[in-house]
Amino acid sequence: MAQCTLGMSPFGTSTLKHYTGYTEEQLSVCAKITVNLHAAAAPGSKLRAVFKKFCSLDLCAVALLSPGKNLSTLS
């Protein structure tokens, strides 16, 4: 999911499989759910303190990243 959000591909690399122990196919359902939650909750969420915290440059402003859009290429 993070690789998709950052526009990186391929998503399921051998390194990812090695360190997580999971294949791309095994992670795809969870990744799709997480991206959908990100898209639904991002800046309009009631969790403003969390959003504000993760907008800071100290945390690389990750809250400002758009949700991944290319998860349809996952299994």
Protein backbone atom coordinates (compact mmCIF):
# COMPACT_ATOMS: atom_id res chain seq x y z
CA MET A 1 0.00 0.00 0.00
CA ALA A 2 2.79 2.42 0.86
CA GLN A 3 4.56 1.65 -2.41
CA CYS A 4 1.34 2.36 -4.29
CA THR A 5 0.80 5.63 -2.40
CA LEU A 6 4.35 6.69 -3.28
CA GLY A 7 3.88 5.68 -6.93
CA MET A 8 6.47 2.91 -6.71
CA SER A 9 6.19 -0.33 -8.62
CA PRO A 10 6.30 -3.23 -8.80
CA PHE A 11 4.34 -3.57 -5.59
CA GLY A 12 5.20 -7.13 -4.61
CA THR A 13 8.96 -7.38 -4.74
CA SER A 14 10.99 -10.40 -3.68
CA THR A 15 12.52 -8.24 -0.92
CA LEU A 16 9.07 -7.46 0.47
CA LYS A 17 8.15 -11.14 0.39
CA HIS A 18 11.42 -12.09 2.06
CA TYR A 19 11.07 -9.67 4.98
CA THR A 20 7.32 -9.95 5.53
CA GLY A 21 6.84 -13.60 4.66
CA TYR A 22 3.77 -12.68 2.59
CA THR A 23 3.16 -12.56 -1.14
CA GLU A 24 1.57 -9.66 -2.98
CA GLU A 25 -1.60 -11.71 -3.38
CA GLN A 26 -1.80 -12.31 0.38
CA LEU A 27 -1.44 -8.60 1.13
CA SER A 28 -3.68 -7.21 -1.61
CA VAL A 29 -7.01 -7.38 0.25
CA CYS A 30 -5.57 -5.66 3.33
CA ALA A 31 -3.85 -3.04 1.16
CA LYS A 32 -7.09 -2.25 -0.69
CA ILE A 33 -9.01 -1.87 2.57
CA THR A 34 -6.32 0.42 4.00
CA VAL A 35 -6.26 2.62 0.89
CA ASN A 36 -10.06 2.90 0.98
CA LEU A 37 -9.90 3.95 4.65
CA HIS A 38 -7.17 6.48 3.83
CA ALA A 39 -9.25 7.93 1.01
CA ALA A 40 -12.37 8.14 3.18
CA ALA A 41 -10.71 9.56 6.28
CA ALA A 42 -8.00 11.84 4.95
CA PRO A 43 -8.21 15.46 5.80
CA GLY A 44 -11.96 15.55 6.56
CA SER A 45 -11.60 13.20 9.53
CA LYS A 46 -12.62 14.09 13.06
CA LEU A 47 -9.11 13.10 14.12
CA ARG A 48 -7.74 16.59 13.46
CA ALA A 49 -4.92 16.28 16.01
CA VAL A 50 -3.62 13.14 14.29
CA PHE A 51 -3.89 14.78 10.87
CA LYS A 52 -2.11 17.92 12.11
CA LYS A 53 0.65 15.86 13.75
CA PHE A 54 1.34 13.93 10.55
CA CYS A 55 1.34 17.11 8.45
CA SER A 56 4.52 18.22 10.18
CA LEU A 57 7.80 18.14 8.31
CA ASP A 58 9.31 16.19 11.22
CA LEU A 59 7.08 13.29 10.14
CA CYS A 60 7.65 13.93 6.42
CA ALA A 61 4.15 15.42 6.03
CA VAL A 62 2.77 11.96 5.29
CA ALA A 63 -0.79 13.09 6.05
CA LEU A 64 -0.65 15.28 2.95
CA LEU A 65 0.05 12.37 0.59
CA SER A 66 -2.83 11.34 -1.63
CA PRO A 67 -4.13 7.80 -1.18
CA GLY A 68 -2.80 5.24 -3.66
CA LYS A 69 -4.90 4.91 -6.79
CA ASN A 70 -3.35 2.00 -8.65
CA LEU A 71 -4.26 -0.84 -6.34
CA SER A 72 -6.48 -2.24 -9.08
CA THR A 73 -3.31 -3.81 -10.48
CA LEU A 74 -3.02 -5.92 -7.34
CA SER A 75 -4.58 -9.36 -7.36
